[in-house]
Amino acid sequence: MEGLIQATDNPHRFLDIVCSAADRTAAEAALEDQFGLSRDQARVAMNMQFGMMPEETRQSIRTEADDLRG
């Protein structure tokens, strides 16, 4: 969830990093470095669809993450 939150809260930065990477592995490594994500979080963020960008969906992700944290 944290990877999704980071990506949806900073979509332009996220896309800049992904689009400027040489390949998927480099993009994941850059996301780990720039956003402080784990490898798994970076992979989940890379698999995210653009349909997750609207505010309503972002809020739903934040709520779910809060619920999981307890």
N, C-alpha and C. Protein backbone atom coordinates (compact mmCIF):
# COMPACT_ATOMS: atom_id res chain seq x y z
N MET A 1 0.83 -1.20 0.00
CA MET A 1 0.00 0.00 0.00
C MET A 1 0.87 1.26 0.00
N GLU A 2 1.98 1.22 0.72
CA GLU A 2 2.82 2.42 0.80
C GLU A 2 3.35 2.83 -0.58
N GLY A 3 3.71 1.84 -1.38
CA GLY A 3 4.18 2.15 -2.73
C GLY A 3 3.11 2.81 -3.57
N LEU A 4 1.89 2.32 -3.45
CA LEU A 4 0.78 2.92 -4.19
C LEU A 4 0.51 4.34 -3.72
N ILE A 5 0.58 4.55 -2.41
CA ILE A 5 0.34 5.89 -1.88
C ILE A 5 1.40 6.86 -2.40
N GLN A 6 2.66 6.45 -2.36
CA GLN A 6 3.73 7.31 -2.85
C GLN A 6 3.54 7.65 -4.33
N ALA A 7 3.21 6.65 -5.12
CA ALA A 7 3.04 6.87 -6.56
C ALA A 7 1.85 7.75 -6.87
N THR A 8 0.74 7.54 -6.17
CA THR A 8 -0.45 8.34 -6.48
C THR A 8 -0.39 9.73 -5.87
N ASP A 9 0.39 9.92 -4.81
CA ASP A 9 0.54 11.26 -4.24
C ASP A 9 1.52 12.12 -5.04
N ASN A 10 2.39 11.48 -5.80
CA ASN A 10 3.41 12.19 -6.59
C ASN A 10 3.43 11.67 -8.02
N PRO A 11 2.31 11.72 -8.73
CA PRO A 11 2.24 11.05 -10.04
C PRO A 11 3.21 11.58 -11.08
N HIS A 12 3.43 12.87 -11.10
CA HIS A 12 4.33 13.44 -12.12
C HIS A 12 5.78 13.00 -11.86
N ARG A 13 6.19 13.04 -10.62
CA ARG A 13 7.53 12.59 -10.26
C ARG A 13 7.68 11.10 -10.56
N PHE A 14 6.67 10.32 -10.19
CA PHE A 14 6.68 8.89 -10.44
C PHE A 14 6.85 8.61 -11.93
N LEU A 15 6.04 9.26 -12.75
CA LEU A 15 6.11 9.03 -14.20
C LEU A 15 7.43 9.51 -14.79
N ASP A 16 7.94 10.62 -14.31
CA ASP A 16 9.24 11.10 -14.79
C ASP A 16 10.33 10.05 -14.54
N ILE A 17 10.31 9.47 -13.35
CA ILE A 17 11.31 8.46 -13.00
C ILE A 17 11.16 7.24 -13.90
N VAL A 18 9.93 6.76 -14.06
CA VAL A 18 9.69 5.57 -14.87
C VAL A 18 10.04 5.82 -16.34
N CYS A 19 9.61 6.95 -16.86
CA CYS A 19 9.84 7.24 -18.29
C CYS A 19 11.31 7.49 -18.61
N SER A 20 12.08 7.96 -17.65
CA SER A 20 13.49 8.25 -17.92
C SER A 20 14.39 7.04 -17.68
N ALA A 21 13.85 5.97 -17.12
CA ALA A 21 14.65 4.78 -16.84
C ALA A 21 14.91 3.99 -18.12
N ALA A 22 16.06 3.35 -18.15
CA ALA A 22 16.44 2.56 -19.33
C ALA A 22 15.57 1.33 -19.51
N ASP A 23 15.15 0.73 -18.40
CA ASP A 23 14.31 -0.46 -18.47
C ASP A 23 13.55 -0.59 -17.15
N ARG A 24 12.75 -1.65 -17.06
CA ARG A 24 11.90 -1.84 -15.88
C ARG A 24 12.73 -2.01 -14.59
N THR A 25 13.81 -2.75 -14.69
CA THR A 25 14.66 -2.96 -13.51
C THR A 25 15.24 -1.64 -13.02
N ALA A 26 15.69 -0.81 -13.95
CA ALA A 26 16.24 0.50 -13.57
C ALA A 26 15.15 1.39 -12.99
N ALA A 27 13.94 1.30 -13.55
CA ALA A 27 12.82 2.10 -13.03
C ALA A 27 12.49 1.68 -11.60
N GLU A 28 12.44 0.39 -11.35
CA GLU A 28 12.15 -0.09 -10.00
C GLU A 28 13.24 0.36 -9.02
N ALA A 29 14.49 0.26 -9.43
CA ALA A 29 15.60 0.69 -8.56
C ALA A 29 15.52 2.19 -8.28
N ALA A 30 15.17 2.97 -9.29
CA ALA A 30 15.05 4.42 -9.10
C ALA A 30 13.89 4.75 -8.16
N LEU A 31 12.79 4.04 -8.29
CA LEU A 31 11.65 4.26 -7.39
C LEU A 31 12.03 3.91 -5.95
N GLU A 32 12.77 2.82 -5.79
CA GLU A 32 13.23 2.44 -4.45
C GLU A 32 14.06 3.58 -3.86
N ASP A 33 14.96 4.11 -4.66
CA ASP A 33 15.87 5.16 -4.20
C ASP A 33 15.15 6.49 -3.95
N GLN A 34 14.36 6.92 -4.91
CA GLN A 34 13.72 8.23 -4.83
C GLN A 34 12.57 8.31 -3.84
N PHE A 35 11.83 7.22 -3.69
CA PHE A 35 10.68 7.22 -2.80
C PHE A 35 10.91 6.43 -1.51
N GLY A 36 12.07 5.80 -1.37
CA GLY A 36 12.35 5.01 -0.19
C GLY A 36 11.49 3.76 -0.10
N LEU A 37 11.19 3.18 -1.26
CA LEU A 37 10.34 1.99 -1.30
C LEU A 37 11.17 0.72 -1.20
N SER A 38 10.54 -0.34 -0.75
CA SER A 38 11.18 -1.65 -0.82
C SER A 38 11.06 -2.16 -2.26
N ARG A 39 11.75 -3.22 -2.55
CA ARG A 39 11.68 -3.80 -3.90
C ARG A 39 10.24 -4.20 -4.23
N ASP A 40 9.56 -4.85 -3.28
CA ASP A 40 8.17 -5.26 -3.51
C ASP A 40 7.26 -4.05 -3.72
N GLN A 41 7.46 -3.00 -2.93
CA GLN A 41 6.63 -1.79 -3.08
C GLN A 41 6.85 -1.15 -4.45
N ALA A 42 8.10 -1.12 -4.90
CA ALA A 42 8.40 -0.55 -6.22
C ALA A 42 7.74 -1.37 -7.32
N ARG A 43 7.76 -2.68 -7.18
CA ARG A 43 7.12 -3.54 -8.19
C ARG A 43 5.61 -3.33 -8.23
N VAL A 44 4.99 -3.21 -7.06
CA VAL A 44 3.54 -2.95 -7.02
C VAL A 44 3.24 -1.60 -7.67
N ALA A 45 4.03 -0.59 -7.36
CA ALA A 45 3.82 0.73 -7.94
C ALA A 45 3.98 0.68 -9.46
N MET A 46 4.95 -0.09 -9.95
CA MET A 46 5.16 -0.21 -11.40
C MET A 46 3.98 -0.91 -12.08
N ASN A 47 3.28 -1.75 -11.37
CA ASN A 47 2.15 -2.47 -11.95
C ASN A 47 0.84 -1.69 -11.85
N MET A 48 0.89 -0.54 -11.22
CA MET A 48 -0.30 0.28 -11.02
C MET A 48 -0.83 0.80 -12.35
N GLN A 49 -2.13 0.89 -12.45
CA GLN A 49 -2.77 1.42 -13.66
C GLN A 49 -3.11 2.89 -13.45
N PHE A 50 -3.15 3.64 -14.53
CA PHE A 50 -3.45 5.07 -14.44
C PHE A 50 -4.85 5.34 -13.91
N GLY A 51 -5.71 4.36 -13.93
CA GLY A 51 -7.05 4.53 -13.37
C GLY A 51 -7.03 4.74 -11.87
N MET A 52 -5.87 4.52 -11.25
CA MET A 52 -5.76 4.71 -9.81
C MET A 52 -5.39 6.15 -9.44
N MET A 53 -5.27 7.03 -10.41
CA MET A 53 -4.82 8.39 -10.15
C MET A 53 -5.91 9.36 -9.66
N PRO A 54 -7.19 9.16 -9.99
CA PRO A 54 -8.19 10.13 -9.52
C PRO A 54 -8.21 10.22 -7.99
N GLU A 55 -8.56 11.38 -7.48
CA GLU A 55 -8.53 11.62 -6.03
C GLU A 55 -9.36 10.61 -5.25
N GLU A 56 -10.52 10.26 -5.76
CA GLU A 56 -11.37 9.30 -5.06
C GLU A 56 -10.64 7.97 -4.84
N THR A 57 -9.95 7.50 -5.86
CA THR A 57 -9.22 6.24 -5.76
C THR A 57 -8.03 6.39 -4.83
N ARG A 58 -7.33 7.52 -4.91
CA ARG A 58 -6.19 7.75 -4.02
C ARG A 58 -6.64 7.76 -2.56
N GLN A 59 -7.78 8.38 -2.29
CA GLN A 59 -8.29 8.41 -0.92
C GLN A 59 -8.65 7.00 -0.45
N SER A 60 -9.21 6.21 -1.33
CA SER A 60 -9.55 4.83 -0.99
C SER A 60 -8.28 4.04 -0.63
N ILE A 61 -7.21 4.26 -1.36
CA ILE A 61 -5.94 3.59 -1.08
C ILE A 61 -5.41 4.01 0.29
N ARG A 62 -5.48 5.31 0.57
CA ARG A 62 -5.02 5.80 1.88
C ARG A 62 -5.84 5.20 3.01
N THR A 63 -7.16 5.13 2.82
CA THR A 63 -8.05 4.57 3.85
C THR A 63 -7.73 3.10 4.08
N GLU A 64 -7.54 2.35 3.01
CA GLU A 64 -7.21 0.93 3.14
C GLU A 64 -5.88 0.74 3.87
N ALA A 65 -4.90 1.58 3.54
CA ALA A 65 -3.60 1.50 4.19
C ALA A 65 -3.74 1.80 5.69
N ASP A 66 -4.51 2.81 6.03
CA ASP A 66 -4.75 3.14 7.44
C ASP A 66 -5.41 1.97 8.17
N ASP A 67 -6.37 1.33 7.52
CA ASP A 67 -7.06 0.18 8.12
C ASP A 67 -6.07 -0.97 8.36
N LEU A 68 -5.17 -1.19 7.42
CA LEU A 68 -4.20 -2.26 7.56
C LEU A 68 -3.19 -1.99 8.68
N ARG A 69 -2.88 -0.72 8.86
CA ARG A 69 -1.94 -0.34 9.92
C ARG A 69 -2.57 -0.53 11.30
N GLY A 70 -3.90 -0.53 11.34
CA GLY A 70 -4.61 -0.75 12.61
C GLY A 70 -4.84 0.49 13.30
